[in-house]
Amino acid sequence: MRAQPVARTETKTAVLPDGLRYKSKVSGSPFVATTSFGSATMSCFLCGKHRPRSMMGTKKGLGKAQAVGAPSCKELDAQLSKK
């Protein structure tokens, strides 16, 4: 018995006059680019949330140091929700 293909929502595209194609989505990143290294954000390796570098720590995972919420993701969420 063959598996049925999963139905996907079709992404509408349009062809620009110069021949390039784009998908209908907002361009750019939701994260503001900063010029200062210290105020830049990183995503947590464990939970995926973006946080300022000052709120991140490192833990060894997959053979190298990974950025994670410090002291932990749950404790950091609790601290931020109190503010």
PDB file of N, CA and C in Angstrom:
ATOM      1  N   MET A   1       0.828  -1.169   0.000  1.00  0.00           N
ATOM      2  CA  MET A   1       0.000   0.000   0.000  1.00  0.00           C
ATOM      3  C   MET A   1       0.882   1.245   0.000  1.00  0.00           C
ATOM      4  N   ARG A   2       0.600   2.197  -0.878  1.00  0.00           N
ATOM      5  CA  ARG A   2       1.394   3.423  -0.965  1.00  0.00           C
ATOM      6  C   ARG A   2       0.866   4.470  -0.005  1.00  0.00           C
ATOM      7  N   ALA A   3       1.784   5.233   0.542  1.00  0.00           N
ATOM      8  CA  ALA A   3       1.399   6.319   1.441  1.00  0.00           C
ATOM      9  C   ALA A   3       0.852   7.474   0.614  1.00  0.00           C
ATOM     10  N   GLN A   4      -0.195   8.084   1.115  1.00  0.00           N
ATOM     11  CA  GLN A   4      -0.790   9.226   0.424  1.00  0.00           C
ATOM     12  C   GLN A   4       0.065  10.466   0.681  1.00  0.00           C
ATOM     13  N   PRO A   5       0.299  11.310  -0.328  1.00  0.00           N
ATOM     14  CA  PRO A   5       1.081  12.533  -0.115  1.00  0.00           C
ATOM     15  C   PRO A   5       0.326  13.491   0.804  1.00  0.00           C
ATOM     16  N   VAL A   6       1.086  14.207   1.604  1.00  0.00           N
ATOM     17  CA  VAL A   6       0.503  15.176   2.532  1.00  0.00           C
ATOM     18  C   VAL A   6       0.120  16.425   1.749  1.00  0.00           C
ATOM     19  N   ALA A   7      -1.092  16.898   1.962  1.00  0.00           N
ATOM     20  CA  ALA A   7      -1.549  18.108   1.267  1.00  0.00           C
ATOM     21  C   ALA A   7      -0.810  19.314   1.823  1.00  0.00           C
ATOM     22  N   ARG A   8      -0.310  20.142   0.954  1.00  0.00           N
ATOM     23  CA  ARG A   8       0.402  21.348   1.362  1.00  0.00           C
ATOM     24  C   ARG A   8      -0.406  22.560   0.945  1.00  0.00           C
ATOM     25  N   THR A   9      -0.274  23.592   1.735  1.00  0.00           N
ATOM     26  CA  THR A   9      -0.896  24.846   1.320  1.00  0.00           C
ATOM     27  C   THR A   9      -0.021  25.449   0.235  1.00  0.00           C
ATOM     28  N   GLU A  10      -0.642  25.876  -0.800  1.00  0.00           N
ATOM     29  CA  GLU A  10       0.095  26.389  -1.936  1.00  0.00           C
ATOM     30  C   GLU A  10       0.524  27.830  -1.678  1.00  0.00           C
ATOM     31  N   THR A  11       1.814  28.110  -1.866  1.00  0.00           N
ATOM     32  CA  THR A  11       2.340  29.457  -1.701  1.00  0.00           C
ATOM     33  C   THR A  11       2.195  30.195  -3.019  1.00  0.00           C
ATOM     34  N   LYS A  12       1.541  31.335  -2.953  1.00  0.00           N
ATOM     35  CA  LYS A  12       1.359  32.105  -4.175  1.00  0.00           C
ATOM     36  C   LYS A  12       2.650  32.839  -4.512  1.00  0.00           C
ATOM     37  N   THR A  13       2.984  32.820  -5.790  1.00  0.00           N
ATOM     38  CA  THR A  13       4.167  33.537  -6.247  1.00  0.00           C
ATOM     39  C   THR A  13       3.768  34.460  -7.376  1.00  0.00           C
ATOM     40  N   ALA A  14       4.617  35.409  -7.606  1.00  0.00           N
ATOM     41  CA  ALA A  14       4.399  36.334  -8.715  1.00  0.00           C
ATOM     42  C   ALA A  14       5.725  36.530  -9.439  1.00  0.00           C
ATOM     43  N   VAL A  15       5.664  36.755 -10.717  1.00  0.00           N
ATOM     44  CA  VAL A  15       6.864  36.984 -11.495  1.00  0.00           C
ATOM     45  C   VAL A  15       7.004  38.481 -11.715  1.00  0.00           C
ATOM     46  N   LEU A  16       8.150  39.006 -11.306  1.00  0.00           N
ATOM     47  CA  LEU A  16       8.424  40.433 -11.481  1.00  0.00           C
ATOM     48  C   LEU A  16       8.766  40.724 -12.938  1.00  0.00           C
ATOM     49  N   PRO A  17       8.687  41.980 -13.360  1.00  0.00           N
ATOM     50  CA  PRO A  17       9.017  42.317 -14.748  1.00  0.00           C
ATOM     51  C   PRO A  17      10.428  41.906 -15.172  1.00  0.00           C
ATOM     52  N   ASP A  18      11.377  41.875 -14.222  1.00  0.00           N
ATOM     53  CA  ASP A  18      12.742  41.477 -14.580  1.00  0.00           C
ATOM     54  C   ASP A  18      12.929  39.959 -14.595  1.00  0.00           C
ATOM     55  N   GLY A  19      11.849  39.201 -14.343  1.00  0.00           N
ATOM     56  CA  GLY A  19      11.905  37.757 -14.438  1.00  0.00           C
ATOM     57  C   GLY A  19      12.161  37.041 -13.131  1.00  0.00           C
ATOM     58  N   LEU A  20      12.449  37.784 -12.061  1.00  0.00           N
ATOM     59  CA  LEU A  20      12.683  37.137 -10.777  1.00  0.00           C
ATOM     60  C   LEU A  20      11.360  36.771 -10.131  1.00  0.00           C
ATOM     61  N   ARG A  21      11.358  35.713  -9.359  1.00  0.00           N
ATOM     62  CA  ARG A  21      10.156  35.234  -8.707  1.00  0.00           C
ATOM     63  C   ARG A  21      10.294  35.480  -7.202  1.00  0.00           C
ATOM     64  N   TYR A  22       9.223  35.832  -6.561  1.00  0.00           N
ATOM     65  CA  TYR A  22       9.242  36.001  -5.108  1.00  0.00           C
ATOM     66  C   TYR A  22       8.027  35.320  -4.510  1.00  0.00           C
ATOM     67  N   LYS A  23       8.147  34.900  -3.255  1.00  0.00           N
ATOM     68  CA  LYS A  23       7.031  34.306  -2.543  1.00  0.00           C
ATOM     69  C   LYS A  23       6.332  35.409  -1.777  1.00  0.00           C
ATOM     70  N   SER A  24       5.052  35.278  -1.601  1.00  0.00           N
ATOM     71  CA  SER A  24       4.282  36.326  -0.945  1.00  0.00           C
ATOM     72  C   SER A  24       4.484  36.261   0.567  1.00  0.00           C
ATOM     73  N   LYS A  25       5.501  36.919   1.047  1.00  0.00           N
ATOM     74  CA  LYS A  25       5.772  37.028   2.472  1.00  0.00           C
ATOM     75  C   LYS A  25       6.456  38.361   2.716  1.00  0.00           C
ATOM     76  N   VAL A  26       6.434  38.772   3.953  1.00  0.00           N
ATOM     77  CA  VAL A  26       7.077  40.021   4.309  1.00  0.00           C
ATOM     78  C   VAL A  26       8.581  39.811   4.260  1.00  0.00           C
ATOM     79  N   SER A  27       9.280  40.722   3.619  1.00  0.00           N
ATOM     80  CA  SER A  27      10.723  40.577   3.518  1.00  0.00           C
ATOM     81  C   SER A  27      11.403  41.084   4.778  1.00  0.00           C
ATOM     82  N   GLY A  28      12.618  40.666   4.975  1.00  0.00           N
ATOM     83  CA  GLY A  28      13.391  41.139   6.112  1.00  0.00           C
ATOM     84  C   GLY A  28      13.332  40.195   7.287  1.00  0.00           C
ATOM     85  N   SER A  29      13.968  40.607   8.355  1.00  0.00           N
ATOM     86  CA  SER A  29      14.049  39.796   9.563  1.00  0.00           C
ATOM     87  C   SER A  29      13.292  40.471  10.694  1.00  0.00           C
ATOM     88  N   PRO A  30      12.647  39.694  11.560  1.00  0.00           N
ATOM     89  CA  PRO A  30      11.967  40.305  12.698  1.00  0.00           C
ATOM     90  C   PRO A  30      12.940  40.807  13.761  1.00  0.00           C
ATOM     91  N   PHE A  31      14.220  40.481  13.634  1.00  0.00           N
ATOM     92  CA  PHE A  31      15.226  40.882  14.600  1.00  0.00           C
ATOM     93  C   PHE A  31      16.003  42.060  14.054  1.00  0.00           C
ATOM     94  N   VAL A  32      16.022  43.123  14.814  1.00  0.00           N
ATOM     95  CA  VAL A  32      16.678  44.357  14.389  1.00  0.00           C
ATOM     96  C   VAL A  32      18.183  44.149  14.397  1.00  0.00           C
ATOM     97  N   ALA A  33      18.834  44.546  13.323  1.00  0.00           N
ATOM     98  CA  ALA A  33      20.284  44.457  13.256  1.00  0.00           C
ATOM     99  C   ALA A  33      20.882  45.563  14.114  1.00  0.00           C
ATOM    100  N   THR A  34      21.859  45.198  14.931  1.00  0.00           N
ATOM    101  CA  THR A  34      22.506  46.185  15.779  1.00  0.00           C
ATOM    102  C   THR A  34      23.960  46.298  15.396  1.00  0.00           C
ATOM    103  N   THR A  35      24.531  47.443  15.680  1.00  0.00           N
ATOM    104  CA  THR A  35      25.942  47.642  15.378  1.00  0.00           C
ATOM    105  C   THR A  35      26.811  47.208  16.544  1.00  0.00           C
ATOM    106  N   SER A  36      26.239  47.130  17.739  1.00  0.00           N
ATOM    107  CA  SER A  36      26.981  46.735  18.924  1.00  0.00           C
ATOM    108  C   SER A  36      26.894  45.228  19.109  1.00  0.00           C
ATOM    109  N   PHE A  37      28.027  44.581  19.288  1.00  0.00           N
ATOM    110  CA  PHE A  37      28.060  43.123  19.445  1.00  0.00           C
ATOM    111  C   PHE A  37      27.345  42.691  20.715  1.00  0.00           C
ATOM    112  N   GLY A  38      27.471  43.472  21.794  1.00  0.00           N
ATOM    113  CA  GLY A  38      26.893  43.104  23.078  1.00  0.00           C
ATOM    114  C   GLY A  38      25.380  43.151  23.104  1.00  0.00           C
ATOM    115  N   SER A  39      24.765  43.977  22.282  1.00  0.00           N
ATOM    116  CA  SER A  39      23.306  44.082  22.308  1.00  0.00           C
ATOM    117  C   SER A  39      22.637  43.207  21.261  1.00  0.00           C
ATOM    118  N   ALA A  40      23.405  42.423  20.539  1.00  0.00           N
ATOM    119  CA  ALA A  40      22.847  41.522  19.532  1.00  0.00           C
ATOM    120  C   ALA A  40      22.124  40.369  20.219  1.00  0.00           C
ATOM    121  N   THR A  41      21.191  39.746  19.507  1.00  0.00           N
ATOM    122  CA  THR A  41      20.467  38.608  20.064  1.00  0.00           C
ATOM    123  C   THR A  41      20.979  37.315  19.448  1.00  0.00           C
ATOM    124  N   MET A  42      20.775  36.251  20.188  1.00  0.00           N
ATOM    125  CA  MET A  42      21.099  34.907  19.715  1.00  0.00           C
ATOM    126  C   MET A  42      19.928  34.015  20.063  1.00  0.00           C
ATOM    127  N   SER A  43      19.756  32.935  19.319  1.00  0.00           N
ATOM    128  CA  SER A  43      18.706  31.990  19.662  1.00  0.00           C
ATOM    129  C   SER A  43      19.283  30.931  20.583  1.00  0.00           C
ATOM    130  N   CYS A  44      18.481  30.543  21.566  1.00  0.00           N
ATOM    131  CA  CYS A  44      18.879  29.520  22.527  1.00  0.00           C
ATOM    132  C   CYS A  44      18.903  28.164  21.821  1.00  0.00           C
ATOM    133  N   PHE A  45      19.919  27.393  22.073  1.00  0.00           N
ATOM    134  CA  PHE A  45      20.055  26.078  21.457  1.00  0.00           C
ATOM    135  C   PHE A  45      18.967  25.123  21.942  1.00  0.00           C
ATOM    136  N   LEU A  46      18.488  25.319  23.179  1.00  0.00           N
ATOM    137  CA  LEU A  46      17.502  24.405  23.753  1.00  0.00           C
ATOM    138  C   LEU A  46      16.068  24.789  23.413  1.00  0.00           C
ATOM    139  N   CYS A  47      15.700  26.080  23.611  1.00  0.00           N
ATOM    140  CA  CYS A  47      14.294  26.454  23.424  1.00  0.00           C
ATOM    141  C   CYS A  47      14.055  27.247  22.137  1.00  0.00           C
ATOM    142  N   GLY A  48      15.099  27.810  21.529  1.00  0.00           N
ATOM    143  CA  GLY A  48      14.962  28.518  20.265  1.00  0.00           C
ATOM    144  C   GLY A  48      14.564  29.981  20.380  1.00  0.00           C
ATOM    145  N   LYS A  49      14.318  30.477  21.601  1.00  0.00           N
ATOM    146  CA  LYS A  49      13.924  31.879  21.764  1.00  0.00           C
ATOM    147  C   LYS A  49      15.138  32.783  21.611  1.00  0.00           C
ATOM    148  N   HIS A  50      14.914  33.958  21.014  1.00  0.00           N
ATOM    149  CA  HIS A  50      15.992  34.921  20.871  1.00  0.00           C
ATOM    150  C   HIS A  50      16.116  35.727  22.143  1.00  0.00           C
ATOM    151  N   ARG A  51      17.338  35.878  22.603  1.00  0.00           N
ATOM    152  CA  ARG A  51      17.636  36.612  23.820  1.00  0.00           C
ATOM    153  C   ARG A  51      18.896  37.447  23.585  1.00  0.00           C
ATOM    154  N   PRO A  52      19.040  38.551  24.354  1.00  0.00           N
ATOM    155  CA  PRO A  52      20.306  39.298  24.271  1.00  0.00           C
ATOM    156  C   PRO A  52      21.464  38.409  24.719  1.00  0.00           C
ATOM    157  N   ARG A  53      22.630  38.653  24.168  1.00  0.00           N
ATOM    158  CA  ARG A  53      23.803  37.844  24.514  1.00  0.00           C
ATOM    159  C   ARG A  53      24.106  37.885  26.002  1.00  0.00           C
ATOM    160  N   SER A  54      23.756  38.996  26.667  1.00  0.00           N
ATOM    161  CA  SER A  54      24.044  39.126  28.093  1.00  0.00           C
ATOM    162  C   SER A  54      23.236  38.136  28.929  1.00  0.00           C
ATOM    163  N   MET A  55      22.137  37.597  28.387  1.00  0.00           N
ATOM    164  CA  MET A  55      21.299  36.630  29.105  1.00  0.00           C
ATOM    165  C   MET A  55      21.617  35.196  28.713  1.00  0.00           C
ATOM    166  N   MET A  56      22.660  35.010  27.923  1.00  0.00           N
ATOM    167  CA  MET A  56      22.999  33.675  27.437  1.00  0.00           C
ATOM    168  C   MET A  56      24.229  33.140  28.154  1.00  0.00           C
ATOM    169  N   GLY A  57      24.295  31.847  28.275  1.00  0.00           N
ATOM    170  CA  GLY A  57      25.465  31.139  28.760  1.00  0.00           C
ATOM    171  C   GLY A  57      25.823  30.083  27.737  1.00  0.00           C
ATOM    172  N   THR A  58      26.805  29.269  28.032  1.00  0.00           N
ATOM    173  CA  THR A  58      27.174  28.212  27.092  1.00  0.00           C
ATOM    174  C   THR A  58      27.169  26.866  27.800  1.00  0.00           C
ATOM    175  N   LYS A  59      26.791  25.856  27.069  1.00  0.00           N
ATOM    176  CA  LYS A  59      26.869  24.467  27.519  1.00  0.00           C
ATOM    177  C   LYS A  59      27.411  23.658  26.362  1.00  0.00           C
ATOM    178  N   LYS A  60      28.157  22.634  26.706  1.00  0.00           N
ATOM    179  CA  LYS A  60      28.719  21.787  25.666  1.00  0.00           C
ATOM    180  C   LYS A  60      27.651  20.831  25.165  1.00  0.00           C
ATOM    181  N   GLY A  61      27.441  20.820  23.870  1.00  0.00           N
ATOM    182  CA  GLY A  61      26.467  19.938  23.253  1.00  0.00           C
ATOM    183  C   GLY A  61      26.855  19.659  21.824  1.00  0.00           C
ATOM    184  N   LEU A  62      26.707  18.453  21.396  1.00  0.00           N
ATOM    185  CA  LEU A  62      27.070  18.029  20.036  1.00  0.00           C
ATOM    186  C   LEU A  62      28.530  18.330  19.716  1.00  0.00           C
ATOM    187  N   GLY A  63      29.379  18.204  20.744  1.00  0.00           N
ATOM    188  CA  GLY A  63      30.814  18.353  20.518  1.00  0.00           C
ATOM    189  C   GLY A  63      31.340  19.769  20.511  1.00  0.00           C
ATOM    190  N   LYS A  64      30.503  20.771  20.773  1.00  0.00           N
ATOM    191  CA  LYS A  64      31.005  22.142  20.842  1.00  0.00           C
ATOM    192  C   LYS A  64      30.132  22.969  21.765  1.00  0.00           C
ATOM    193  N   ALA A  65      30.576  24.149  22.115  1.00  0.00           N
ATOM    194  CA  ALA A  65      29.835  25.017  23.025  1.00  0.00           C
ATOM    195  C   ALA A  65      28.628  25.610  22.301  1.00  0.00           C
ATOM    196  N   GLN A  66      27.452  25.484  22.921  1.00  0.00           N
ATOM    197  CA  GLN A  66      26.205  26.005  22.350  1.00  0.00           C
ATOM    198  C   GLN A  66      25.658  27.093  23.272  1.00  0.00           C
ATOM    199  N   ALA A  67      25.069  28.140  22.708  1.00  0.00           N
ATOM    200  CA  ALA A  67      24.480  29.219  23.497  1.00  0.00           C
ATOM    201  C   ALA A  67      23.129  28.776  24.041  1.00  0.00           C
ATOM    202  N   VAL A  68      22.947  28.910  25.357  1.00  0.00           N
ATOM    203  CA  VAL A  68      21.693  28.553  26.015  1.00  0.00           C
ATOM    204  C   VAL A  68      21.335  29.646  27.009  1.00  0.00           C
ATOM    205  N   GLY A  69      20.069  29.696  27.415  1.00  0.00           N
ATOM    206  CA  GLY A  69      19.632  30.658  28.416  1.00  0.00           C
ATOM    207  C   GLY A  69      20.309  30.375  29.746  1.00  0.00           C
ATOM    208  N   ALA A  70      20.732  31.432  30.448  1.00  0.00           N
ATOM    209  CA  ALA A  70      21.423  31.243  31.723  1.00  0.00           C
ATOM    210  C   ALA A  70      20.585  31.831  32.838  1.00  0.00           C
ATOM    211  N   PRO A  71      20.395  31.221  33.960  1.00  0.00           N
ATOM    212  CA  PRO A  71      20.903  29.908  34.352  1.00  0.00           C
ATOM    213  C   PRO A  71      20.169  28.755  33.659  1.00  0.00           C
ATOM    214  N   SER A  72      18.880  28.926  33.326  1.00  0.00           N
ATOM    215  CA  SER A  72      18.170  27.947  32.509  1.00  0.00           C
ATOM    216  C   SER A  72      17.047  28.676  31.776  1.00  0.00           C
ATOM    217  N   CYS A  73      16.480  28.057  30.772  1.00  0.00           N
ATOM    218  CA  CYS A  73      15.415  28.691  29.982  1.00  0.00           C
ATOM    219  C   CYS A  73      14.188  28.984  30.845  1.00  0.00           C
ATOM    220  N   LYS A  74      13.789  28.030  31.696  1.00  0.00           N
ATOM    221  CA  LYS A  74      12.608  28.213  32.547  1.00  0.00           C
ATOM    222  C   LYS A  74      12.822  29.334  33.553  1.00  0.00           C
ATOM    223  N   GLU A  75      13.992  29.365  34.207  1.00  0.00           N
ATOM    224  CA  GLU A  75      14.269  30.407  35.189  1.00  0.00           C
ATOM    225  C   GLU A  75      14.347  31.772  34.520  1.00  0.00           C
ATOM    226  N   LEU A  76      14.917  31.840  33.320  1.00  0.00           N
ATOM    227  CA  LEU A  76      15.003  33.091  32.595  1.00  0.00           C
ATOM    228  C   LEU A  76      13.629  33.592  32.189  1.00  0.00           C
ATOM    229  N   ASP A  77      12.729  32.691  31.754  1.00  0.00           N
ATOM    230  CA  ASP A  77      11.353  33.075  31.423  1.00  0.00           C
ATOM    231  C   ASP A  77      10.636  33.622  32.657  1.00  0.00           C
ATOM    232  N   ALA A  78      10.850  32.976  33.805  1.00  0.00           N
ATOM    233  CA  ALA A  78      10.219  33.419  35.048  1.00  0.00           C
ATOM    234  C   ALA A  78      10.712  34.810  35.439  1.00  0.00           C
ATOM    235  N   GLN A  79      12.009  35.065  35.308  1.00  0.00           N
ATOM    236  CA  GLN A  79      12.573  36.381  35.633  1.00  0.00           C
ATOM    237  C   GLN A  79      12.026  37.458  34.710  1.00  0.00           C
ATOM    238  N   LEU A  80      11.910  37.139  33.427  1.00  0.00           N
ATOM    239  CA  LEU A  80      11.425  38.132  32.456  1.00  0.00           C
ATOM    240  C   LEU A  80       9.943  38.400  32.622  1.00  0.00           C
ATOM    241  N   SER A  81       9.168  37.409  33.048  1.00  0.00           N
ATOM    242  CA  SER A  81       7.730  37.621  33.222  1.00  0.00           C
ATOM    243  C   SER A  81       7.425  38.473  34.458  1.00  0.00           C
ATOM    244  N   LYS A  82       8.323  38.484  35.440  1.00  0.00           N
ATOM    245  CA  LYS A  82       8.149  39.309  36.631  1.00  0.00           C
ATOM    246  C   LYS A  82       8.352  40.784  36.338  1.00  0.00           C
ATOM    247  N   LYS A  83       9.155  41.094  35.347  1.00  0.00           N
ATOM    248  CA  LYS A  83       9.490  42.492  35.031  1.00  0.00           C
ATOM    249  C   LYS A  83       8.352  43.208  34.383  1.00  0.00           C
TER     250      LYS A  83
END
